Amino acid sequence: MEEIAIIGVELAKNVFQVHGAAVDGSVLFRKKVTQPQFTRLDVGCVCSGCHFEPCGA
C-alpha cells in the first residue's frame, strides 16, 4: 500500500469530503464524514501536507 502524502478536506455545512493522495497524486481513499465524525477521523498516517478548501455557497 502506498503512503499517504496529502490529505484534502472540502469543508461544507453538514458533511466533509476527505481524501488521501499519494505523492504522484493518485487517490488512496475517499471518505464522506459529518462534522462530529471528522473530529474522530483517524486516517492512520503522518502526512506531509493537509489542504482545507471551503465549499462555495
Protein backbone atom coordinates (compact mmCIF):
# COMPACT_ATOMS: atom_id res chain seq x y z
CA MET A 1 0.00 0.00 0.00
CA GLU A 2 1.29 3.45 -0.88
CA GLU A 3 1.95 6.04 1.78
CA ILE A 4 -0.47 8.95 2.09
CA ALA A 5 1.35 12.18 1.28
CA ILE A 6 -1.52 14.69 1.16
CA ILE A 7 -4.90 14.85 2.84
CA GLY A 8 -7.54 17.09 1.29
CA VAL A 9 -10.68 18.24 3.10
CA GLU A 10 -13.61 20.01 1.46
CA LEU A 11 -15.45 21.85 4.20
CA ALA A 12 -19.23 22.14 3.91
CA LYS A 13 -22.02 22.98 6.32
CA ASN A 14 -23.06 19.42 7.24
CA VAL A 15 -20.73 16.96 5.52
CA PHE A 16 -16.98 16.99 4.83
CA GLN A 17 -15.34 15.19 1.92
CA VAL A 18 -11.92 13.83 2.93
CA HIS A 19 -9.43 12.21 0.55
CA GLY A 20 -5.89 10.96 0.80
CA ALA A 21 -3.45 11.06 -2.08
CA ALA A 22 -0.04 9.55 -2.78
CA VAL A 23 2.99 11.58 -3.86
CA ASP A 24 2.09 11.01 -7.53
CA GLY A 25 -1.44 12.37 -6.96
CA SER A 26 -3.27 9.07 -7.15
CA VAL A 27 -6.23 8.85 -4.76
CA LEU A 28 -5.76 6.30 -1.99
CA PHE A 29 -9.05 6.84 -0.15
CA ARG A 30 -12.19 8.97 -0.13
CA LYS A 31 -14.50 9.40 2.86
CA LYS A 32 -17.69 11.37 3.42
CA VAL A 33 -17.99 12.33 7.09
CA THR A 34 -20.19 14.52 9.26
CA GLN A 35 -18.68 17.21 11.49
CA PRO A 36 -18.77 15.00 14.65
CA GLN A 37 -17.19 12.11 12.70
CA PHE A 38 -14.46 14.44 11.38
CA THR A 39 -13.22 15.22 14.89
CA ARG A 40 -12.75 11.47 15.46
CA LEU A 41 -11.34 10.70 12.00
CA ASP A 42 -8.14 8.66 12.08
CA VAL A 43 -6.58 8.01 8.68
CA GLY A 44 -3.65 6.20 10.26
CA CYS A 45 -0.78 8.20 8.86
CA VAL A 46 1.55 11.11 9.26
CA CYS A 47 1.22 13.04 6.02
CA SER A 48 3.38 15.81 4.64
CA GLY A 49 0.50 18.17 3.87
CA CYS A 50 -3.14 18.86 4.58
CA HIS A 51 -5.29 21.11 2.40
CA PHE A 52 -8.61 22.56 3.56
CA GLU A 53 -10.98 24.04 0.99
CA PRO A 54 -14.25 25.76 1.91
CA CYS A 55 -17.29 24.86 -0.14
CA GLY A 56 -18.63 27.81 -2.15
CA ALA A 57 -22.14 28.93 -1.33
